Amino acid sequence: MATSTTGRIGYPSALHVDWHTGFALVLSAALPLAAFAIVNGIAEANGNPPLYFSPMGLPGWLGATLHLVSLPLFGIARWLVASHGPAGHKAGWWVVALIAGTIIFPFIVMPLDSVQLSMVAMGLFLLGLAAVVRVGAIEPRAAAIMAPGLAWMGFSALVGLSFAAAWAPPFAVTNSHPAS
């Protein structure tokens, strides 16, 4: 009687990426920008261009640049925590949520009034702070890499909130009337 045995032959997968290589780092930094480009293309085709915050007379392109520079930084931070087991994966999902919010934010600001806009900006900033806390507990370098993007988000949220508070009741009455 003949018997046969089966063995498993491992074939390399074209989709398998070793997440500890330099290629994975570049991919992690580039994917958020690629996602933004796709969302931007879809939004532009539908007549919804992105709007960026540029305070104190700064040119609009500077606000857009600062906003877009944060996306690869967040991707790198996610790459740094991804290899730290289940806790790293969980923290990574917080960073992915922050990336998604950062991508979507410039496209949803058009219909919002100043109070709604400041609330959305502050919510995105608080999401970023929560992500930094979770990431920082696992990989402090990742939290440091996220800091410049969060600084710009925090400044944007603070300025927007101060403008909304300055022109909303009860302060609107004192701002709209000349001093006696």
Protein backbone atom coordinates (compact mmCIF):
# COMPACT_ATOMS: atom_id res chain seq x y z
CA MET A 1 0.00 0.00 0.00
CA ALA A 2 1.33 3.35 -0.99
CA THR A 3 1.12 6.34 1.25
CA SER A 4 1.60 9.92 0.40
CA THR A 5 2.52 12.87 2.48
CA THR A 6 1.71 16.42 1.77
CA GLY A 7 3.99 19.28 2.41
CA ARG A 8 3.49 22.94 2.35
CA ILE A 9 5.43 24.92 -0.15
CA GLY A 10 5.72 28.54 0.84
CA TYR A 11 5.35 31.00 -1.98
CA PRO A 12 6.38 34.61 -1.39
CA SER A 13 3.42 36.88 -1.47
CA ALA A 14 3.61 39.96 -3.64
CA LEU A 15 1.51 41.80 -1.08
CA HIS A 16 3.62 40.84 1.93
CA VAL A 17 5.60 43.76 3.28
CA ASP A 18 8.22 43.47 5.97
CA TRP A 19 7.18 46.40 8.14
CA HIS A 20 10.64 46.79 9.63
CA THR A 21 12.34 47.98 6.44
CA GLY A 22 13.09 51.41 5.07
CA PHE A 23 10.62 50.75 2.26
CA ALA A 24 7.83 50.32 4.79
CA LEU A 25 8.83 53.61 6.43
CA VAL A 26 8.61 55.44 3.10
CA LEU A 27 5.33 53.73 2.33
CA SER A 28 3.91 54.69 5.73
CA ALA A 29 4.87 58.32 5.14
CA ALA A 30 3.55 58.40 1.57
CA LEU A 31 0.20 56.62 2.03
CA PRO A 32 -1.50 59.48 3.93
CA LEU A 33 -0.47 61.92 1.18
CA ALA A 34 -1.72 59.50 -1.47
CA ALA A 35 -5.04 59.18 0.35
CA PHE A 36 -5.26 62.98 0.52
CA ALA A 37 -4.58 63.20 -3.23
CA ILE A 38 -7.40 60.74 -3.94
CA VAL A 39 -9.86 62.56 -1.66
CA ASN A 40 -8.77 65.89 -3.18
CA GLY A 41 -9.37 64.59 -6.72
CA ILE A 42 -12.83 63.33 -5.84
CA ALA A 43 -13.73 66.56 -4.02
CA GLU A 44 -12.40 68.79 -6.82
CA ALA A 45 -14.42 66.79 -9.37
CA ASN A 46 -17.53 67.50 -7.27
CA GLY A 47 -16.76 71.21 -6.90
CA ASN A 48 -15.62 71.07 -3.28
CA PRO A 49 -12.08 72.47 -3.06
CA PRO A 50 -10.19 72.24 0.24
CA LEU A 51 -9.95 75.32 2.45
CA TYR A 52 -6.95 75.85 4.72
CA PHE A 53 -6.35 78.03 7.76
CA SER A 54 -3.68 80.73 7.28
CA PRO A 55 -3.72 83.25 10.13
CA MET A 56 -2.15 86.67 10.48
CA GLY A 57 -1.96 87.47 6.77
CA LEU A 58 0.11 84.40 5.90
CA PRO A 59 -0.35 83.17 2.33
CA GLY A 60 -2.84 80.35 1.85
CA TRP A 61 -0.21 78.02 0.41
CA LEU A 62 1.69 78.17 3.70
CA GLY A 63 -1.35 76.98 5.65
CA ALA A 64 -1.86 74.18 3.14
CA THR A 65 1.81 73.19 3.34
CA LEU A 66 1.79 73.06 7.13
CA HIS A 67 -1.40 71.00 7.05
CA LEU A 68 -0.04 68.54 4.49
CA VAL A 69 3.37 68.18 6.16
CA SER A 70 1.65 66.73 9.21
CA LEU A 71 0.28 63.77 7.23
CA PRO A 72 3.63 62.02 6.58
CA LEU A 73 4.67 62.72 10.17
CA PHE A 74 1.55 60.95 11.42
CA GLY A 75 2.24 58.06 9.02
CA ILE A 76 5.80 57.71 10.36
CA ALA A 77 4.50 57.76 13.92
CA ARG A 78 2.07 54.98 13.09
CA TRP A 79 4.93 52.98 11.55
CA LEU A 80 6.98 53.37 14.72
CA VAL A 81 4.26 51.97 17.00
CA ALA A 82 2.94 49.27 14.67
CA SER A 83 5.62 46.76 15.62
CA HIS A 84 4.96 46.98 19.37
CA GLY A 85 2.39 44.20 19.60
CA PRO A 86 -1.31 44.60 20.41
CA ALA A 87 -0.81 47.88 22.29
CA GLY A 88 1.04 49.29 19.30
CA HIS A 89 -1.71 48.20 16.94
CA LYS A 90 -4.31 49.85 19.13
CA ALA A 91 -2.33 53.10 19.30
CA GLY A 92 -1.79 52.86 15.55
CA TRP A 93 -5.53 52.90 14.96
CA TRP A 94 -5.76 56.15 16.92
CA VAL A 95 -3.17 57.62 14.56
CA VAL A 96 -5.11 56.29 11.55
CA ALA A 97 -8.24 58.04 12.88
CA LEU A 98 -6.21 61.25 13.23
CA ILE A 99 -4.90 60.88 9.68
CA ALA A 100 -8.45 60.38 8.37
CA GLY A 101 -9.69 63.43 10.26
CA THR A 102 -6.77 65.51 9.01
CA ILE A 103 -7.47 64.46 5.43
CA ILE A 104 -11.20 65.17 5.61
CA PHE A 105 -11.03 68.42 7.61
CA PRO A 106 -10.25 70.91 4.76
CA PHE A 107 -13.14 69.56 2.69
CA ILE A 108 -15.88 69.91 5.31
CA VAL A 109 -15.19 73.48 6.43
CA MET A 110 -17.14 75.25 3.66
CA PRO A 111 -20.68 74.86 5.05
CA LEU A 112 -19.72 75.39 8.72
CA ASP A 113 -20.16 78.65 10.58
CA SER A 114 -17.39 79.90 12.87
CA VAL A 115 -18.67 78.15 16.01
CA GLN A 116 -19.13 74.81 14.24
CA LEU A 117 -15.75 75.15 12.57
CA SER A 118 -14.02 75.86 15.86
CA MET A 119 -15.77 72.88 17.48
CA VAL A 120 -14.68 70.54 14.67
CA ALA A 121 -11.10 71.91 14.78
CA MET A 122 -11.00 71.51 18.56
CA GLY A 123 -12.41 67.97 18.28
CA LEU A 124 -9.71 67.04 15.77
CA PHE A 125 -7.07 68.55 18.04
CA LEU A 126 -8.39 66.58 21.04
CA LEU A 127 -8.32 63.41 18.93
CA GLY A 128 -4.70 64.24 18.12
CA LEU A 129 -3.86 64.74 21.79
CA ALA A 130 -5.47 61.40 22.65
CA ALA A 131 -3.46 59.73 19.87
CA VAL A 132 -0.22 61.32 21.12
CA VAL A 133 -0.87 60.12 24.66
CA ARG A 134 -1.46 56.56 23.46
CA VAL A 135 1.48 56.62 21.05
CA GLY A 136 3.79 58.28 23.58
CA ALA A 137 3.16 55.53 26.13
CA ILE A 138 4.49 53.00 23.62
CA GLU A 139 7.08 54.90 21.59
CA PRO A 140 8.11 58.40 22.79
CA ARG A 141 9.89 59.13 19.48
CA ALA A 142 6.59 58.69 17.64
CA ALA A 143 4.90 61.22 19.92
CA ALA A 144 7.75 63.67 19.26
CA ILE A 145 7.34 63.17 15.51
CA MET A 146 3.61 63.96 15.79
CA ALA A 147 4.24 67.16 17.78
CA PRO A 148 4.73 69.64 14.87
CA GLY A 149 1.47 68.59 13.21
CA LEU A 150 -0.38 68.83 16.50
CA ALA A 151 1.15 72.23 17.23
CA TRP A 152 -0.31 73.57 13.97
CA MET A 153 -3.67 71.91 14.70
CA GLY A 154 -3.72 73.31 18.22
CA PHE A 155 -2.85 76.81 17.03
CA SER A 156 -5.57 76.61 14.38
CA ALA A 157 -8.14 75.37 16.89
CA LEU A 158 -7.19 78.00 19.47
CA VAL A 159 -7.33 80.91 17.03
CA GLY A 160 -10.64 79.65 15.59
CA LEU A 161 -12.09 79.22 19.06
CA SER A 162 -10.97 82.68 20.13
CA PHE A 163 -12.54 84.26 17.03
CA ALA A 164 -15.79 82.37 17.60
CA ALA A 165 -15.86 83.33 21.29
CA ALA A 166 -15.05 86.97 20.57
CA TRP A 167 -18.00 87.38 18.21
CA ALA A 168 -20.55 85.17 19.95
CA PRO A 169 -22.82 86.21 22.83
CA PRO A 170 -22.27 87.46 25.50
CA PHE A 171 -19.16 89.16 24.08
CA ALA A 172 -20.75 90.14 20.75
CA VAL A 173 -22.63 93.00 22.34
CA THR A 174 -19.47 94.61 23.69
CA ASN A 175 -17.53 94.00 20.46
CA SER A 176 -20.21 95.39 18.17
CA HIS A 177 -20.74 98.67 20.07
CA PRO A 178 -18.13 101.40 20.24
CA ALA A 179 -16.67 102.21 23.61
CA SER A 180 -18.57 104.91 25.47
